[in-house]
């Protein structure tokens, strides 16, 4: 299995270094403790069980620890699970680093920044352009590094910027087809809609929700910050209110996390573009790991469906 865990098949042997993304203690029916490990490399992740663990094991095998293991990919309840046959903590002499085990966006940070800058230059509305510029300047490093989510879509280094740039490309084509759409408002909403995740999520290696993320969420935090930034820039007017609405409503429904549904044309388009890009990211990455004539694993965020990869190719 040379390609990585994301491309593994049932029955494959594993003899490699991996990164612990998460470790949860449990107690087996025989009363002995075990660890459920979520292991990852740059291609994907897999669950594994470490049985009969000692107190020392529980302190060693923790998130963000690199391990060397050998084992076999089995199947448990319809999903791949790694059966561990041998495991140890990686040593300095092994020459491995955490960055080797973290998936990265398929586009360079410099190119992502270039696309963001191009979109800002295209904006004609001075108020919205100033607000967007202020946010990009304030969060540039994190924006180009953070994932867009902790799981499901764009959950990799630079995933947030990759998501935004992909949405901007979709928005550009939508504006060509529907020129009455306010491109400045749509661009600004796309760039800002998920920036609250820079406070909602903990980082890029073992991404978790922060306390603020759990108690408030990225949508209300961002709506509030847009108001603060506008006030600092001495910008008043309906642009600020409508931009806040785009962020507030971009999940589309209350049960999906938006206190208000989209009530402005550009808010509806933002919501739909967000859905398209998130779903296509999940689908493309899952389909890339199966052969023609096979189904993907079940995708929880896609109503737990499995998707078929046709035998014929696009010409």
C-alpha atoms as a PDB file:
ATOM      1  CA  UNK A   1       0.000   0.000   0.000  1.00  0.00           C
ATOM      2  CA  UNK A   2       2.244   2.756  -1.278  1.00  0.00           C
ATOM      3  CA  UNK A   3      -0.359   5.455  -2.022  1.00  0.00           C
ATOM      4  CA  UNK A   4      -1.519   6.074   1.540  1.00  0.00           C
ATOM      5  CA  UNK A   5      -4.317   5.072   3.874  1.00  0.00           C
ATOM      6  CA  UNK A   6      -6.926   7.007   1.902  1.00  0.00           C
ATOM      7  CA  UNK A   7      -6.458   4.603  -1.023  1.00  0.00           C
ATOM      8  CA  UNK A   8      -6.275   1.388   1.001  1.00  0.00           C
ATOM      9  CA  UNK A   9      -8.455  -1.641   0.344  1.00  0.00           C
ATOM     10  CA  UNK A  10      -9.779  -4.306   2.689  1.00  0.00           C
ATOM     11  CA  UNK A  11      -7.022  -6.860   3.227  1.00  0.00           C
ATOM     12  CA  UNK A  12      -4.140  -4.472   2.577  1.00  0.00           C
ATOM     13  CA  UNK A  13      -1.138  -4.654   4.890  1.00  0.00           C
ATOM     14  CA  UNK A  14       0.104  -1.462   6.514  1.00  0.00           C
ATOM     15  CA  UNK A  15       3.661  -0.868   7.672  1.00  0.00           C
ATOM     16  CA  UNK A  16       4.172   2.862   7.948  1.00  0.00           C
ATOM     17  CA  UNK A  17       4.180   6.011  10.066  1.00  0.00           C
ATOM     18  CA  UNK A  18       0.863   7.702  10.855  1.00  0.00           C
ATOM     19  CA  UNK A  19      -0.390  10.609  12.933  1.00  0.00           C
ATOM     20  CA  UNK A  20      -2.901  10.220  15.750  1.00  0.00           C
ATOM     21  CA  UNK A  21      -5.761  12.625  15.064  1.00  0.00           C
ATOM     22  CA  UNK A  22      -7.890  11.565  18.022  1.00  0.00           C
ATOM     23  CA  UNK A  23      -7.720   9.063  20.884  1.00  0.00           C
ATOM     24  CA  UNK A  24     -10.701   8.022  22.995  1.00  0.00           C
ATOM     25  CA  UNK A  25     -10.572   5.670  25.971  1.00  0.00           C
ATOM     26  CA  UNK A  26     -13.108   2.885  26.312  1.00  0.00           C
ATOM     27  CA  UNK A  27     -13.648  -0.218  28.424  1.00  0.00           C
ATOM     28  CA  UNK A  28     -14.198  -3.611  26.781  1.00  0.00           C
ATOM     29  CA  UNK A  29     -16.748  -6.193  27.920  1.00  0.00           C
ATOM     30  CA  UNK A  30     -13.943  -7.993  29.791  1.00  0.00           C
ATOM     31  CA  UNK A  31     -13.339  -4.868  31.846  1.00  0.00           C
ATOM     32  CA  UNK A  32     -10.011  -4.024  30.214  1.00  0.00           C
ATOM     33  CA  UNK A  33      -9.389  -0.507  28.819  1.00  0.00           C
ATOM     34  CA  UNK A  34      -8.762   0.163  25.128  1.00  0.00           C
ATOM     35  CA  UNK A  35      -8.166   3.177  22.889  1.00  0.00           C
ATOM     36  CA  UNK A  36     -10.095   4.069  19.770  1.00  0.00           C
ATOM     37  CA  UNK A  37      -7.576   5.853  17.564  1.00  0.00           C
ATOM     38  CA  UNK A  38      -8.299   7.961  14.512  1.00  0.00           C
ATOM     39  CA  UNK A  39      -5.117   7.730  12.440  1.00  0.00           C
ATOM     40  CA  UNK A  40      -4.266   9.860   9.446  1.00  0.00           C
ATOM     41  CA  UNK A  41      -1.723  10.489   6.752  1.00  0.00           C
ATOM     42  CA  UNK A  42      -1.749  13.004   3.898  1.00  0.00           C
ATOM     43  CA  UNK A  43      -4.338  10.975   1.937  1.00  0.00           C
ATOM     44  CA  UNK A  44      -6.996  10.247   4.528  1.00  0.00           C
ATOM     45  CA  UNK A  45      -7.782   8.688   7.885  1.00  0.00           C
ATOM     46  CA  UNK A  46      -8.883   5.395   9.405  1.00  0.00           C
ATOM     47  CA  UNK A  47     -10.115   4.123  12.763  1.00  0.00           C
ATOM     48  CA  UNK A  48      -8.086   1.609  14.777  1.00  0.00           C
ATOM     49  CA  UNK A  49      -8.466  -0.105  18.142  1.00  0.00           C
ATOM     50  CA  UNK A  50      -5.574  -0.493  20.554  1.00  0.00           C
ATOM     51  CA  UNK A  51      -6.562  -3.210  23.025  1.00  0.00           C
ATOM     52  CA  UNK A  52      -5.495  -3.898  26.615  1.00  0.00           C
ATOM     53  CA  UNK A  53      -3.805  -0.529  27.050  1.00  0.00           C
ATOM     54  CA  UNK A  54      -1.839   0.407  30.131  1.00  0.00           C
ATOM     55  CA  UNK A  55      -1.848   3.764  31.922  1.00  0.00           C
ATOM     56  CA  UNK A  56       1.446   4.494  30.164  1.00  0.00           C
ATOM     57  CA  UNK A  57      -0.120   3.713  26.777  1.00  0.00           C
ATOM     58  CA  UNK A  58      -2.874   6.233  27.490  1.00  0.00           C
ATOM     59  CA  UNK A  59      -0.283   8.955  28.055  1.00  0.00           C
ATOM     60  CA  UNK A  60       1.781   7.981  25.001  1.00  0.00           C
ATOM     61  CA  UNK A  61      -0.831   7.498  22.302  1.00  0.00           C
ATOM     62  CA  UNK A  62      -2.421  10.930  22.246  1.00  0.00           C
ATOM     63  CA  UNK A  63      -3.507  13.383  19.507  1.00  0.00           C
ATOM     64  CA  UNK A  64      -0.711  14.889  17.360  1.00  0.00           C
ATOM     65  CA  UNK A  65       1.649  12.018  18.210  1.00  0.00           C
ATOM     66  CA  UNK A  66       3.378  10.294  15.289  1.00  0.00           C
ATOM     67  CA  UNK A  67       3.453   6.506  15.505  1.00  0.00           C
ATOM     68  CA  UNK A  68       5.041   3.645  13.588  1.00  0.00           C
ATOM     69  CA  UNK A  69       2.734   0.692  13.157  1.00  0.00           C
ATOM     70  CA  UNK A  70       2.069  -2.434  11.190  1.00  0.00           C
ATOM     71  CA  UNK A  71      -1.283  -4.042  10.716  1.00  0.00           C
ATOM     72  CA  UNK A  72      -4.040  -4.929   8.298  1.00  0.00           C
ATOM     73  CA  UNK A  73      -7.068  -3.091   6.924  1.00  0.00           C
ATOM     74  CA  UNK A  74     -10.214  -4.961   7.950  1.00  0.00           C
ATOM     75  CA  UNK A  75     -13.885  -4.066   7.775  1.00  0.00           C
ATOM     76  CA  UNK A  76     -16.125  -3.315  10.740  1.00  0.00           C
ATOM     77  CA  UNK A  77     -19.792  -2.372  10.380  1.00  0.00           C
ATOM     78  CA  UNK A  78     -19.295  -1.550   6.721  1.00  0.00           C
ATOM     79  CA  UNK A  79     -16.289   0.746   7.239  1.00  0.00           C
ATOM     80  CA  UNK A  80     -12.524   0.125   7.026  1.00  0.00           C
ATOM     81  CA  UNK A  81     -10.810  -0.407  10.360  1.00  0.00           C
ATOM     82  CA  UNK A  82      -7.108  -0.932  10.939  1.00  0.00           C
ATOM     83  CA  UNK A  83      -6.153  -3.999  12.948  1.00  0.00           C
ATOM     84  CA  UNK A  84      -2.966  -3.091  14.822  1.00  0.00           C
ATOM     85  CA  UNK A  85      -0.355  -5.830  15.092  1.00  0.00           C
ATOM     86  CA  UNK A  86       2.577  -3.697  16.202  1.00  0.00           C
ATOM     87  CA  UNK A  87       2.901  -0.080  17.313  1.00  0.00           C
ATOM     88  CA  UNK A  88       5.483   2.300  18.744  1.00  0.00           C
ATOM     89  CA  UNK A  89       6.057   6.029  19.160  1.00  0.00           C
ATOM     90  CA  UNK A  90       8.103   7.605  16.368  1.00  0.00           C
ATOM     91  CA  UNK A  91      11.618   8.670  17.344  1.00  0.00           C
ATOM     92  CA  UNK A  92      13.610  11.725  16.295  1.00  0.00           C
ATOM     93  CA  UNK A  93      15.931   9.436  14.336  1.00  0.00           C
ATOM     94  CA  UNK A  94      12.978   8.320  12.165  1.00  0.00           C
ATOM     95  CA  UNK A  95      13.107  11.698  10.423  1.00  0.00           C
ATOM     96  CA  UNK A  96       9.324  12.200  10.199  1.00  0.00           C
ATOM     97  CA  UNK A  97       7.417  15.438  10.839  1.00  0.00           C
ATOM     98  CA  UNK A  98       3.778  16.246  11.469  1.00  0.00           C
ATOM     99  CA  UNK A  99       3.524  18.226   8.211  1.00  0.00           C
ATOM    100  CA  UNK A 100       4.014  14.971   6.260  1.00  0.00           C
ATOM    101  CA  UNK A 101       0.738  13.575   7.601  1.00  0.00           C
ATOM    102  CA  UNK A 102      -1.548  16.525   6.965  1.00  0.00           C
ATOM    103  CA  UNK A 103      -3.541  16.783   3.745  1.00  0.00           C
ATOM    104  CA  UNK A 104      -3.047  20.019   1.819  1.00  0.00           C
ATOM    105  CA  UNK A 105      -5.106  21.914  -0.738  1.00  0.00           C
ATOM    106  CA  UNK A 106      -4.285  21.052  -4.369  1.00  0.00           C
ATOM    107  CA  UNK A 107      -3.603  24.743  -5.028  1.00  0.00           C
ATOM    108  CA  UNK A 108      -0.589  26.695  -3.717  1.00  0.00           C
ATOM    109  CA  UNK A 109      -1.152  29.408  -1.105  1.00  0.00           C
ATOM    110  CA  UNK A 110       0.325  32.016  -3.450  1.00  0.00           C
ATOM    111  CA  UNK A 111      -2.212  31.171  -6.155  1.00  0.00           C
ATOM    112  CA  UNK A 112      -5.083  31.245  -3.663  1.00  0.00           C
ATOM    113  CA  UNK A 113      -4.000  34.693  -2.470  1.00  0.00           C
ATOM    114  CA  UNK A 114      -3.723  35.880  -6.055  1.00  0.00           C
ATOM    115  CA  UNK A 115      -7.306  34.797  -6.782  1.00  0.00           C
ATOM    116  CA  UNK A 116      -8.585  36.498  -3.628  1.00  0.00           C
ATOM    117  CA  UNK A 117      -6.783  39.715  -4.581  1.00  0.00           C
ATOM    118  CA  UNK A 118      -8.228  39.597  -8.106  1.00  0.00           C
ATOM    119  CA  UNK A 119     -11.752  39.313  -6.713  1.00  0.00           C
ATOM    120  CA  UNK A 120     -11.234  42.292  -4.404  1.00  0.00           C
ATOM    121  CA  UNK A 121      -9.899  44.386  -7.302  1.00  0.00           C
ATOM    122  CA  UNK A 122     -13.013  43.566  -9.323  1.00  0.00           C
ATOM    123  CA  UNK A 123     -15.273  45.024  -6.620  1.00  0.00           C
ATOM    124  CA  UNK A 124     -16.574  48.518  -7.334  1.00  0.00           C
ATOM    125  CA  UNK A 125     -18.528  49.246  -4.136  1.00  0.00           C
ATOM    126  CA  UNK A 126     -16.060  51.147  -1.893  1.00  0.00           C
ATOM    127  CA  UNK A 127     -17.729  50.231   1.408  1.00  0.00           C
ATOM    128  CA  UNK A 128     -17.784  46.487   0.786  1.00  0.00           C
ATOM    129  CA  UNK A 129     -14.324  46.527  -0.757  1.00  0.00           C
ATOM    130  CA  UNK A 130     -12.866  48.296   2.305  1.00  0.00           C
ATOM    131  CA  UNK A 131     -14.529  45.849   4.694  1.00  0.00           C
ATOM    132  CA  UNK A 132     -13.255  42.826   2.749  1.00  0.00           C
ATOM    133  CA  UNK A 133      -9.741  44.287   2.506  1.00  0.00           C
ATOM    134  CA  UNK A 134      -9.686  44.879   6.262  1.00  0.00           C
ATOM    135  CA  UNK A 135     -10.631  41.268   7.009  1.00  0.00           C
ATOM    136  CA  UNK A 136      -8.106  39.806   4.551  1.00  0.00           C
ATOM    137  CA  UNK A 137      -5.350  41.979   6.025  1.00  0.00           C
ATOM    138  CA  UNK A 138      -6.316  41.017   9.581  1.00  0.00           C
ATOM    139  CA  UNK A 139      -6.558  37.264   8.978  1.00  0.00           C
ATOM    140  CA  UNK A 140      -4.376  36.640   5.923  1.00  0.00           C
ATOM    141  CA  UNK A 141      -2.015  34.071   7.442  1.00  0.00           C
ATOM    142  CA  UNK A 142      -4.771  32.047   9.118  1.00  0.00           C
ATOM    143  CA  UNK A 143      -7.062  32.377   6.090  1.00  0.00           C
ATOM    144  CA  UNK A 144      -4.412  30.796   3.858  1.00  0.00           C
ATOM    145  CA  UNK A 145      -3.703  28.000   6.353  1.00  0.00           C
ATOM    146  CA  UNK A 146      -6.928  26.919   8.080  1.00  0.00           C
ATOM    147  CA  UNK A 147      -9.262  24.158   6.914  1.00  0.00           C
ATOM    148  CA  UNK A 148     -12.858  25.018   6.042  1.00  0.00           C
ATOM    149  CA  UNK A 149     -14.215  22.394   8.454  1.00  0.00           C
ATOM    150  CA  UNK A 150     -13.151  19.745  10.956  1.00  0.00           C
ATOM    151  CA  UNK A 151     -14.539  17.003   8.684  1.00  0.00           C
ATOM    152  CA  UNK A 152     -16.532  16.321   5.506  1.00  0.00           C
ATOM    153  CA  UNK A 153     -15.377  19.082   3.100  1.00  0.00           C
ATOM    154  CA  UNK A 154     -12.174  21.071   2.583  1.00  0.00           C
ATOM    155  CA  UNK A 155     -10.886  19.705   5.917  1.00  0.00           C
ATOM    156  CA  UNK A 156      -7.232  20.193   5.009  1.00  0.00           C
ATOM    157  CA  UNK A 157      -4.476  22.800   5.103  1.00  0.00           C
ATOM    158  CA  UNK A 158      -5.579  25.891   3.125  1.00  0.00           C
ATOM    159  CA  UNK A 159      -9.033  24.329   2.783  1.00  0.00           C
ATOM    160  CA  UNK A 160     -10.829  27.534   3.775  1.00  0.00           C
ATOM    161  CA  UNK A 161      -9.089  29.626   1.110  1.00  0.00           C
ATOM    162  CA  UNK A 162      -9.536  26.834  -1.438  1.00  0.00           C
ATOM    163  CA  UNK A 163     -13.279  26.737  -0.667  1.00  0.00           C
ATOM    164  CA  UNK A 164     -13.595  30.516  -0.988  1.00  0.00           C
ATOM    165  CA  UNK A 165     -11.644  30.690  -4.264  1.00  0.00           C
ATOM    166  CA  UNK A 166     -13.686  27.840  -5.769  1.00  0.00           C
ATOM    167  CA  UNK A 167     -16.893  29.628  -4.783  1.00  0.00           C
ATOM    168  CA  UNK A 168     -15.635  32.853  -6.342  1.00  0.00           C
ATOM    169  CA  UNK A 169     -15.062  31.011  -9.621  1.00  0.00           C
ATOM    170  CA  UNK A 170     -18.640  29.709  -9.498  1.00  0.00           C
ATOM    171  CA  UNK A 171     -19.933  33.184  -8.667  1.00  0.00           C
ATOM    172  CA  UNK A 172     -18.138  34.666 -11.660  1.00  0.00           C
ATOM    173  CA  UNK A 173     -19.938  32.249 -13.997  1.00  0.00           C
ATOM    174  CA  UNK A 174     -23.289  32.846 -12.264  1.00  0.00           C
ATOM    175  CA  UNK A 175     -22.873  36.597 -12.775  1.00  0.00           C
ATOM    176  CA  UNK A 176     -22.236  36.062 -16.491  1.00  0.00           C
ATOM    177  CA  UNK A 177     -25.487  34.127 -16.768  1.00  0.00           C
ATOM    178  CA  UNK A 178     -27.447  36.459 -14.476  1.00  0.00           C
ATOM    179  CA  UNK A 179     -25.881  39.938 -14.871  1.00  0.00           C
ATOM    180  CA  UNK A 180     -28.479  41.570 -12.592  1.00  0.00           C
ATOM    181  CA  UNK A 181     -26.847  39.843  -9.629  1.00  0.00           C
ATOM    182  CA  UNK A 182     -24.827  42.274  -7.496  1.00  0.00           C
ATOM    183  CA  UNK A 183     -21.345  40.849  -8.024  1.00  0.00           C
ATOM    184  CA  UNK A 184     -19.718  43.003  -5.333  1.00  0.00           C
ATOM    185  CA  UNK A 185     -22.173  41.813  -2.699  1.00  0.00           C
ATOM    186  CA  UNK A 186     -21.851  38.188  -3.774  1.00  0.00           C
ATOM    187  CA  UNK A 187     -18.044  38.316  -3.817  1.00  0.00           C
ATOM    188  CA  UNK A 188     -17.917  40.014  -0.414  1.00  0.00           C
ATOM    189  CA  UNK A 189     -20.345  37.475   1.070  1.00  0.00           C
ATOM    190  CA  UNK A 190     -18.317  34.567  -0.293  1.00  0.00           C
ATOM    191  CA  UNK A 191     -15.006  35.865   1.053  1.00  0.00           C
ATOM    192  CA  UNK A 192     -16.431  36.623   4.504  1.00  0.00           C
ATOM    193  CA  UNK A 193     -19.056  33.907   5.016  1.00  0.00           C
ATOM    194  CA  UNK A 194     -16.790  31.349   6.729  1.00  0.00           C
ATOM    195  CA  UNK A 195     -14.083  33.562   8.257  1.00  0.00           C
ATOM    196  CA  UNK A 196     -15.686  33.007  11.661  1.00  0.00           C
ATOM    197  CA  UNK A 197     -14.238  29.497  11.445  1.00  0.00           C
ATOM    198  CA  UNK A 198     -10.829  31.014  12.191  1.00  0.00           C
ATOM    199  CA  UNK A 199     -12.197  31.408  15.736  1.00  0.00           C
ATOM    200  CA  UNK A 200     -14.543  28.431  15.684  1.00  0.00           C
ATOM    201  CA  UNK A 201     -11.838  25.859  14.850  1.00  0.00           C
ATOM    202  CA  UNK A 202      -8.595  25.141  16.683  1.00  0.00           C
ATOM    203  CA  UNK A 203      -6.152  24.763  13.786  1.00  0.00           C
ATOM    204  CA  UNK A 204      -5.004  22.462  11.015  1.00  0.00           C
ATOM    205  CA  UNK A 205      -3.440  19.348  12.575  1.00  0.00           C
ATOM    206  CA  UNK A 206      -6.100  17.863  14.866  1.00  0.00           C
ATOM    207  CA  UNK A 207      -8.924  20.262  14.111  1.00  0.00           C
ATOM    208  CA  UNK A 208     -11.452  20.616  16.924  1.00  0.00           C
ATOM    209  CA  UNK A 209     -14.053  23.166  17.924  1.00  0.00           C
ATOM    210  CA  UNK A 210     -12.925  25.903  20.321  1.00  0.00           C
ATOM    211  CA  UNK A 211     -15.012  26.908  23.335  1.00  0.00           C
ATOM    212  CA  UNK A 212     -16.229  29.949  21.360  1.00  0.00           C
ATOM    213  CA  UNK A 213     -17.023  27.665  18.450  1.00  0.00           C
ATOM    214  CA  UNK A 214     -19.111  25.340  20.605  1.00  0.00           C
ATOM    215  CA  UNK A 215     -20.942  28.063  22.515  1.00  0.00           C
ATOM    216  CA  UNK A 216     -21.409  30.670  19.769  1.00  0.00           C
ATOM    217  CA  UNK A 217     -20.539  29.283  16.326  1.00  0.00           C
ATOM    218  CA  UNK A 218     -18.864  30.908  13.351  1.00  0.00           C
ATOM    219  CA  UNK A 219     -21.994  32.593  11.983  1.00  0.00           C
ATOM    220  CA  UNK A 220     -22.929  34.829  14.958  1.00  0.00           C
ATOM    221  CA  UNK A 221     -19.259  35.584  15.657  1.00  0.00           C
ATOM    222  CA  UNK A 222     -18.732  36.778  12.090  1.00  0.00           C
ATOM    223  CA  UNK A 223     -21.938  38.815  11.954  1.00  0.00           C
ATOM    224  CA  UNK A 224     -20.814  40.648  15.091  1.00  0.00           C
ATOM    225  CA  UNK A 225     -17.300  41.204  13.787  1.00  0.00           C
ATOM    226  CA  UNK A 226     -18.544  42.671  10.498  1.00  0.00           C
ATOM    227  CA  UNK A 227     -20.363  45.277  12.599  1.00  0.00           C
ATOM    228  CA  UNK A 228     -17.221  46.032  14.609  1.00  0.00           C
ATOM    229  CA  UNK A 229     -14.993  46.355  11.533  1.00  0.00           C
ATOM    230  CA  UNK A 230     -17.513  48.597   9.760  1.00  0.00           C
ATOM    231  CA  UNK A 231     -17.631  50.818  12.830  1.00  0.00           C
ATOM    232  CA  UNK A 232     -13.817  50.988  13.000  1.00  0.00           C
ATOM    233  CA  UNK A 233     -13.729  51.982   9.312  1.00  0.00           C
ATOM    234  CA  UNK A 234     -16.559  54.489   9.929  1.00  0.00           C
ATOM    235  CA  UNK A 235     -18.691  52.768   7.312  1.00  0.00           C
ATOM    236  CA  UNK A 236     -22.454  53.075   7.650  1.00  0.00           C
ATOM    237  CA  UNK A 237     -25.296  52.177   5.352  1.00  0.00           C
ATOM    238  CA  UNK A 238     -27.316  49.281   4.061  1.00  0.00           C
ATOM    239  CA  UNK A 239     -24.262  47.479   2.649  1.00  0.00           C
ATOM    240  CA  UNK A 240     -23.205  46.505   6.176  1.00  0.00           C
ATOM    241  CA  UNK A 241     -26.647  45.181   7.086  1.00  0.00           C
ATOM    242  CA  UNK A 242     -27.040  43.180   3.870  1.00  0.00           C
ATOM    243  CA  UNK A 243     -23.529  41.754   4.160  1.00  0.00           C
ATOM    244  CA  UNK A 244     -24.334  40.648   7.701  1.00  0.00           C
ATOM    245  CA  UNK A 245     -27.502  39.008   6.383  1.00  0.00           C
ATOM    246  CA  UNK A 246     -25.533  37.053   3.766  1.00  0.00           C
ATOM    247  CA  UNK A 247     -23.293  35.625   6.474  1.00  0.00           C
ATOM    248  CA  UNK A 248     -26.214  35.004   8.844  1.00  0.00           C
ATOM    249  CA  UNK A 249     -28.272  33.113   6.254  1.00  0.00           C
ATOM    250  CA  UNK A 250     -25.647  31.214   4.241  1.00  0.00           C
ATOM    251  CA  UNK A 251     -26.528  27.818   5.765  1.00  0.00           C
ATOM    252  CA  UNK A 252     -30.012  28.271   4.377  1.00  0.00           C
ATOM    253  CA  UNK A 253     -32.198  26.934   7.195  1.00  0.00           C
ATOM    254  CA  UNK A 254     -32.464  27.142  10.963  1.00  0.00           C
ATOM    255  CA  UNK A 255     -31.888  23.389  11.310  1.00  0.00           C
ATOM    256  CA  UNK A 256     -28.648  23.806   9.339  1.00  0.00           C
ATOM    257  CA  UNK A 257     -27.407  26.622  11.581  1.00  0.00           C
ATOM    258  CA  UNK A 258     -28.743  29.834  10.027  1.00  0.00           C
ATOM    259  CA  UNK A 259     -31.017  31.940  12.292  1.00  0.00           C
ATOM    260  CA  UNK A 260     -32.578  33.470   9.165  1.00  0.00           C
ATOM    261  CA  UNK A 261     -33.212  32.000   5.710  1.00  0.00           C
ATOM    262  CA  UNK A 262     -31.828  33.895   2.702  1.00  0.00           C
ATOM    263  CA  UNK A 263     -34.083  36.906   2.075  1.00  0.00           C
ATOM    264  CA  UNK A 264     -31.886  38.673  -0.488  1.00  0.00           C
ATOM    265  CA  UNK A 265     -31.177  37.325  -3.979  1.00  0.00           C
ATOM    266  CA  UNK A 266     -27.399  37.257  -3.462  1.00  0.00           C
ATOM    267  CA  UNK A 267     -27.887  35.494  -0.111  1.00  0.00           C
ATOM    268  CA  UNK A 268     -29.795  32.689  -1.860  1.00  0.00           C
ATOM    269  CA  UNK A 269     -27.074  32.361  -4.498  1.00  0.00           C
ATOM    270  CA  UNK A 270     -24.359  32.352  -1.830  1.00  0.00           C
ATOM    271  CA  UNK A 271     -26.139  29.512  -0.026  1.00  0.00           C
ATOM    272  CA  UNK A 272     -26.485  27.451  -3.219  1.00  0.00           C
ATOM    273  CA  UNK A 273     -22.879  28.032  -4.326  1.00  0.00           C
ATOM    274  CA  UNK A 274     -21.674  27.065  -0.856  1.00  0.00           C
ATOM    275  CA  UNK A 275     -23.628  23.802  -1.071  1.00  0.00           C
ATOM    276  CA  UNK A 276     -22.379  23.016  -4.580  1.00  0.00           C
ATOM    277  CA  UNK A 277     -18.723  23.516  -3.733  1.00  0.00           C
ATOM    278  CA  UNK A 278     -18.879  21.630  -0.421  1.00  0.00           C
ATOM    279  CA  UNK A 279     -20.680  18.656  -1.986  1.00  0.00           C
ATOM    280  CA  UNK A 280     -18.459  18.526  -5.055  1.00  0.00           C
ATOM    281  CA  UNK A 281     -15.364  18.588  -2.849  1.00  0.00           C
ATOM    282  CA  UNK A 282     -16.652  15.611  -0.867  1.00  0.00           C
ATOM    283  CA  UNK A 283     -17.714  13.717  -3.983  1.00  0.00           C
ATOM    284  CA  UNK A 284     -14.572  14.318  -6.033  1.00  0.00           C
ATOM    285  CA  UNK A 285     -12.249  13.288  -3.224  1.00  0.00           C
ATOM    286  CA  UNK A 286     -14.277  10.154  -2.433  1.00  0.00           C
ATOM    287  CA  UNK A 287     -14.634   9.120  -6.075  1.00  0.00           C
ATOM    288  CA  UNK A 288     -10.892   9.572  -6.634  1.00  0.00           C
ATOM    289  CA  UNK A 289     -10.319   6.719  -4.186  1.00  0.00           C
ATOM    290  CA  UNK A 290     -12.462   4.106  -5.940  1.00  0.00           C
ATOM    291  CA  UNK A 291     -12.166   2.374  -9.292  1.00  0.00           C
ATOM    292  CA  UNK A 292     -14.717   2.654 -12.135  1.00  0.00           C
ATOM    293  CA  UNK A 293     -17.590   0.281 -11.462  1.00  0.00           C
ATOM    294  CA  UNK A 294     -17.296   0.681  -7.679  1.00  0.00           C
ATOM    295  CA  UNK A 295     -19.202   2.663  -5.054  1.00  0.00           C
ATOM    296  CA  UNK A 296     -17.676   5.118  -2.584  1.00  0.00           C
ATOM    297  CA  UNK A 297     -17.955   4.525   1.131  1.00  0.00           C
ATOM    298  CA  UNK A 298     -21.069   5.968   2.746  1.00  0.00           C
ATOM    299  CA  UNK A 299     -20.857   9.764   2.960  1.00  0.00           C
ATOM    300  CA  UNK A 300     -22.538  10.887   6.158  1.00  0.00           C
ATOM    301  CA  UNK A 301     -22.820  14.517   5.033  1.00  0.00           C
ATOM    302  CA  UNK A 302     -24.502  13.372   1.801  1.00  0.00           C
ATOM    303  CA  UNK A 303     -27.426  11.653   3.552  1.00  0.00           C
ATOM    304  CA  UNK A 304     -25.237   8.591   4.143  1.00  0.00           C
ATOM    305  CA  UNK A 305     -25.359   7.743   0.427  1.00  0.00           C
ATOM    306  CA  UNK A 306     -22.794   5.743  -1.526  1.00  0.00           C
ATOM    307  CA  UNK A 307     -21.942   7.103  -4.981  1.00  0.00           C
ATOM    308  CA  UNK A 308     -21.213   4.990  -8.038  1.00  0.00           C
ATOM    309  CA  UNK A 309     -18.258   5.709 -10.337  1.00  0.00           C
ATOM    310  CA  UNK A 310     -19.338   4.932 -13.931  1.00  0.00           C
ATOM    311  CA  UNK A 311     -17.232   2.655 -16.114  1.00  0.00           C
ATOM    312  CA  UNK A 312     -17.165   5.134 -19.012  1.00  0.00           C
ATOM    313  CA  UNK A 313     -15.030   8.269 -18.876  1.00  0.00           C
ATOM    314  CA  UNK A 314     -15.799  11.856 -19.879  1.00  0.00           C
ATOM    315  CA  UNK A 315     -14.384  12.548 -23.327  1.00  0.00           C
END
